[in-house]
Amino acid sequence: SGVTSSVVDDVFYILHKCCRRALSTCNMQAVVATLTNVNTFLNKDYKEVLRKGLKESDVTLKIMAVAGTVAGTVAAKLDSLGVASKIIPGQ
């Protein structure tokens, strides 16, 4: 029911496929170069993308928490006004 992303699965599927293709060449230089590039990608680029995503989701959660608190406060005040309007006779 929730929205999910397959980006993580997709990235690792592609990296796995690249490594297997490099191994299938039986060329040690191709294998080493591929593994080095995969390692660099994961430790540098991919890690940074994940960190940014986590920071953005953290900010979003904080905004939602503040909005929820404000909405709860407004709802409580409206409820209080509704009760008060029933107690105080209308003119």
N, C-alpha and C. Protein backbone atom coordinates (compact mmCIF):
# COMPACT_ATOMS: atom_id res chain seq x y z
N SER A 1 0.83 -1.19 0.00
CA SER A 1 0.00 0.00 0.00
C SER A 1 0.87 1.26 0.00
N GLY A 2 2.07 1.19 0.56
CA GLY A 2 2.96 2.35 0.58
C GLY A 2 3.77 2.43 -0.69
N VAL A 3 4.27 3.61 -0.93
CA VAL A 3 5.11 3.82 -2.11
C VAL A 3 6.53 3.38 -1.77
N THR A 4 7.06 2.46 -2.55
CA THR A 4 8.42 2.00 -2.32
C THR A 4 9.24 2.20 -3.59
N SER A 5 10.54 2.20 -3.40
CA SER A 5 11.44 2.39 -4.52
C SER A 5 12.30 1.15 -4.70
N SER A 6 12.52 0.80 -5.94
CA SER A 6 13.37 -0.35 -6.23
C SER A 6 14.78 0.08 -6.62
N VAL A 7 15.10 1.35 -6.35
CA VAL A 7 16.40 1.88 -6.77
C VAL A 7 17.55 1.07 -6.18
N VAL A 8 17.48 0.75 -4.91
CA VAL A 8 18.56 -0.01 -4.27
C VAL A 8 18.72 -1.36 -4.94
N ASP A 9 17.62 -2.06 -5.13
CA ASP A 9 17.68 -3.37 -5.80
C ASP A 9 18.21 -3.24 -7.22
N ASP A 10 17.76 -2.21 -7.91
CA ASP A 10 18.19 -2.01 -9.30
C ASP A 10 19.70 -1.74 -9.37
N VAL A 11 20.19 -0.88 -8.50
CA VAL A 11 21.62 -0.55 -8.50
C VAL A 11 22.46 -1.79 -8.25
N PHE A 12 22.10 -2.56 -7.23
CA PHE A 12 22.90 -3.74 -6.91
C PHE A 12 22.75 -4.83 -7.97
N TYR A 13 21.60 -4.91 -8.62
CA TYR A 13 21.43 -5.86 -9.71
C TYR A 13 22.39 -5.51 -10.86
N ILE A 14 22.45 -4.23 -11.22
CA ILE A 14 23.32 -3.80 -12.31
C ILE A 14 24.79 -4.00 -11.95
N LEU A 15 25.16 -3.65 -10.72
CA LEU A 15 26.55 -3.85 -10.29
C LEU A 15 26.93 -5.33 -10.30
N HIS A 16 26.02 -6.17 -9.83
CA HIS A 16 26.25 -7.62 -9.83
C HIS A 16 26.43 -8.12 -11.25
N LYS A 17 25.59 -7.63 -12.16
CA LYS A 17 25.67 -8.03 -13.56
C LYS A 17 27.01 -7.61 -14.17
N CYS A 18 27.47 -6.40 -13.84
CA CYS A 18 28.77 -5.91 -14.35
C CYS A 18 29.92 -6.79 -13.86
N CYS A 19 29.88 -7.14 -12.58
CA CYS A 19 30.95 -7.98 -12.02
C CYS A 19 30.96 -9.37 -12.65
N ARG A 20 29.78 -9.94 -12.85
CA ARG A 20 29.71 -11.26 -13.47
C ARG A 20 30.22 -11.23 -14.91
N ARG A 21 29.90 -10.16 -15.62
CA ARG A 21 30.39 -10.04 -17.01
C ARG A 21 31.90 -9.91 -17.03
N ALA A 22 32.43 -9.13 -16.10
CA ALA A 22 33.89 -8.99 -16.04
C ALA A 22 34.54 -10.33 -15.73
N LEU A 23 33.96 -11.09 -14.80
CA LEU A 23 34.49 -12.41 -14.48
C LEU A 23 34.41 -13.36 -15.66
N SER A 24 33.36 -13.24 -16.45
CA SER A 24 33.18 -14.15 -17.58
C SER A 24 34.23 -13.93 -18.67
N THR A 25 34.90 -12.79 -18.67
CA THR A 25 35.94 -12.55 -19.67
C THR A 25 37.22 -13.31 -19.37
N CYS A 26 37.36 -13.73 -18.11
CA CYS A 26 38.59 -14.40 -17.65
C CYS A 26 39.82 -13.50 -17.81
N ASN A 27 39.59 -12.21 -17.88
CA ASN A 27 40.67 -11.24 -18.00
C ASN A 27 40.84 -10.56 -16.64
N MET A 28 41.97 -10.82 -16.00
CA MET A 28 42.19 -10.32 -14.65
C MET A 28 42.15 -8.79 -14.59
N GLN A 29 42.67 -8.13 -15.62
CA GLN A 29 42.65 -6.66 -15.64
C GLN A 29 41.21 -6.13 -15.70
N ALA A 30 40.36 -6.78 -16.47
CA ALA A 30 38.96 -6.37 -16.56
C ALA A 30 38.25 -6.57 -15.23
N VAL A 31 38.54 -7.70 -14.57
CA VAL A 31 37.92 -7.99 -13.27
C VAL A 31 38.36 -6.95 -12.24
N VAL A 32 39.66 -6.70 -12.16
CA VAL A 32 40.18 -5.75 -11.17
C VAL A 32 39.64 -4.35 -11.45
N ALA A 33 39.63 -3.93 -12.70
CA ALA A 33 39.12 -2.60 -13.05
C ALA A 33 37.63 -2.46 -12.71
N THR A 34 36.86 -3.50 -13.00
CA THR A 34 35.43 -3.46 -12.71
C THR A 34 35.18 -3.40 -11.21
N LEU A 35 35.85 -4.27 -10.46
CA LEU A 35 35.67 -4.28 -9.01
C LEU A 35 36.12 -2.97 -8.37
N THR A 36 37.19 -2.39 -8.89
CA THR A 36 37.66 -1.10 -8.38
C THR A 36 36.63 -0.01 -8.64
N ASN A 37 36.07 0.00 -9.85
CA ASN A 37 35.06 1.00 -10.17
C ASN A 37 33.77 0.81 -9.37
N VAL A 38 33.37 -0.42 -9.17
CA VAL A 38 32.19 -0.70 -8.35
C VAL A 38 32.43 -0.23 -6.92
N ASN A 39 33.59 -0.55 -6.38
CA ASN A 39 33.93 -0.14 -5.02
C ASN A 39 33.94 1.39 -4.90
N THR A 40 34.54 2.06 -5.85
CA THR A 40 34.59 3.53 -5.83
C THR A 40 33.19 4.11 -5.92
N PHE A 41 32.38 3.56 -6.81
CA PHE A 41 31.01 4.05 -6.96
C PHE A 41 30.23 3.91 -5.66
N LEU A 42 30.31 2.73 -5.04
CA LEU A 42 29.55 2.49 -3.81
C LEU A 42 30.03 3.37 -2.66
N ASN A 43 31.34 3.50 -2.52
CA ASN A 43 31.90 4.26 -1.39
C ASN A 43 31.84 5.76 -1.57
N LYS A 44 31.69 6.23 -2.79
CA LYS A 44 31.72 7.66 -3.02
C LYS A 44 30.35 8.17 -3.48
N ASP A 45 29.99 7.86 -4.69
CA ASP A 45 28.78 8.42 -5.29
C ASP A 45 27.50 7.90 -4.65
N TYR A 46 27.37 6.61 -4.56
CA TYR A 46 26.13 6.01 -4.07
C TYR A 46 25.91 6.35 -2.59
N LYS A 47 26.97 6.30 -1.82
CA LYS A 47 26.86 6.63 -0.40
C LYS A 47 26.37 8.07 -0.22
N GLU A 48 26.88 8.98 -1.04
CA GLU A 48 26.47 10.39 -0.95
C GLU A 48 25.00 10.57 -1.32
N VAL A 49 24.56 9.87 -2.35
CA VAL A 49 23.15 9.94 -2.74
C VAL A 49 22.26 9.43 -1.61
N LEU A 50 22.65 8.34 -0.99
CA LEU A 50 21.86 7.79 0.11
C LEU A 50 21.84 8.74 1.30
N ARG A 51 22.97 9.35 1.60
CA ARG A 51 23.02 10.31 2.72
C ARG A 51 22.10 11.49 2.46
N LYS A 52 22.13 12.03 1.24
CA LYS A 52 21.25 13.15 0.91
C LYS A 52 19.80 12.75 1.04
N GLY A 53 19.48 11.55 0.57
CA GLY A 53 18.10 11.06 0.68
C GLY A 53 17.66 10.93 2.12
N LEU A 54 18.55 10.45 2.98
CA LEU A 54 18.21 10.31 4.39
C LEU A 54 18.04 11.67 5.06
N LYS A 55 18.89 12.63 4.72
CA LYS A 55 18.77 13.97 5.28
C LYS A 55 17.45 14.60 4.85
N GLU A 56 17.10 14.45 3.57
CA GLU A 56 15.85 15.02 3.07
C GLU A 56 14.65 14.36 3.75
N SER A 57 14.70 13.06 3.94
CA SER A 57 13.57 12.39 4.59
C SER A 57 13.49 12.79 6.06
N ASP A 58 14.63 13.03 6.70
CA ASP A 58 14.65 13.48 8.09
C ASP A 58 14.02 14.86 8.20
N VAL A 59 14.36 15.76 7.28
CA VAL A 59 13.77 17.10 7.27
C VAL A 59 12.27 17.01 7.03
N THR A 60 11.87 16.16 6.09
CA THR A 60 10.45 15.99 5.80
C THR A 60 9.70 15.49 7.03
N LEU A 61 10.28 14.53 7.74
CA LEU A 61 9.63 14.01 8.95
C LEU A 61 9.52 15.09 10.01
N LYS A 62 10.54 15.93 10.16
CA LYS A 62 10.49 17.02 11.13
C LYS A 62 9.40 18.02 10.77
N ILE A 63 9.30 18.35 9.47
CA ILE A 63 8.26 19.27 9.02
C ILE A 63 6.88 18.69 9.29
N MET A 64 6.72 17.40 9.00
CA MET A 64 5.43 16.74 9.23
C MET A 64 5.09 16.73 10.71
N ALA A 65 6.09 16.52 11.57
CA ALA A 65 5.85 16.52 13.02
C ALA A 65 5.40 17.90 13.50
N VAL A 66 6.07 18.94 13.01
CA VAL A 66 5.68 20.30 13.40
C VAL A 66 4.28 20.61 12.88
N ALA A 67 4.01 20.25 11.63
CA ALA A 67 2.68 20.49 11.05
C ALA A 67 1.61 19.73 11.83
N GLY A 68 1.92 18.50 12.23
CA GLY A 68 0.97 17.72 13.01
C GLY A 68 0.70 18.34 14.36
N THR A 69 1.74 18.88 15.00
CA THR A 69 1.58 19.53 16.29
C THR A 69 0.72 20.78 16.15
N VAL A 70 0.99 21.57 15.11
CA VAL A 70 0.20 22.78 14.87
C VAL A 70 -1.25 22.41 14.58
N ALA A 71 -1.45 21.40 13.74
CA ALA A 71 -2.81 20.97 13.41
C ALA A 71 -3.54 20.48 14.66
N GLY A 72 -2.83 19.75 15.51
CA GLY A 72 -3.43 19.27 16.75
C GLY A 72 -3.82 20.41 17.67
N THR A 73 -2.97 21.42 17.75
CA THR A 73 -3.25 22.59 18.59
C THR A 73 -4.46 23.35 18.07
N VAL A 74 -4.51 23.56 16.76
CA VAL A 74 -5.65 24.26 16.15
C VAL A 74 -6.94 23.47 16.38
N ALA A 75 -6.87 22.15 16.21
CA ALA A 75 -8.06 21.31 16.42
C ALA A 75 -8.53 21.39 17.86
N ALA A 76 -7.59 21.40 18.81
CA ALA A 76 -7.96 21.49 20.23
C ALA A 76 -8.62 22.83 20.52
N LYS A 77 -8.09 23.92 19.93
CA LYS A 77 -8.69 25.24 20.16
C LYS A 77 -10.08 25.33 19.54
N LEU A 78 -10.23 24.77 18.33
CA LEU A 78 -11.54 24.77 17.71
C LEU A 78 -12.54 23.96 18.52
N ASP A 79 -12.09 22.84 19.06
CA ASP A 79 -12.94 22.03 19.91
C ASP A 79 -13.36 22.80 21.15
N SER A 80 -12.40 23.51 21.75
CA SER A 80 -12.71 24.32 22.93
C SER A 80 -13.72 25.40 22.59
N LEU A 81 -13.56 26.03 21.42
CA LEU A 81 -14.51 27.06 20.99
C LEU A 81 -15.90 26.46 20.77
N GLY A 82 -15.93 25.24 20.23
CA GLY A 82 -17.20 24.57 20.00
C GLY A 82 -17.92 24.28 21.31
N VAL A 83 -17.17 23.82 22.31
CA VAL A 83 -17.75 23.55 23.63
C VAL A 83 -18.23 24.85 24.26
N ALA A 84 -17.39 25.90 24.15
CA ALA A 84 -17.74 27.19 24.74
C ALA A 84 -18.99 27.76 24.08
N SER A 85 -19.14 27.56 22.79
CA SER A 85 -20.31 28.10 22.10
C SER A 85 -21.59 27.41 22.55
N LYS A 86 -21.50 26.18 22.99
CA LYS A 86 -22.67 25.46 23.49
C LYS A 86 -23.04 25.93 24.89
N ILE A 87 -22.03 26.32 25.66
CA ILE A 87 -22.26 26.76 27.04
C ILE A 87 -22.79 28.18 27.07
N ILE A 88 -22.21 29.06 26.27
CA ILE A 88 -22.59 30.47 26.27
C ILE A 88 -23.84 30.61 25.40
N PRO A 89 -24.92 31.14 25.97
CA PRO A 89 -26.15 31.28 25.19
C PRO A 89 -25.96 32.29 24.05
N GLY A 90 -26.52 31.97 22.89
CA GLY A 90 -26.44 32.87 21.73
C GLY A 90 -27.38 34.03 21.87
N GLN A 91 -27.09 35.08 21.14
CA GLN A 91 -27.95 36.28 21.24
C GLN A 91 -28.98 36.31 20.17
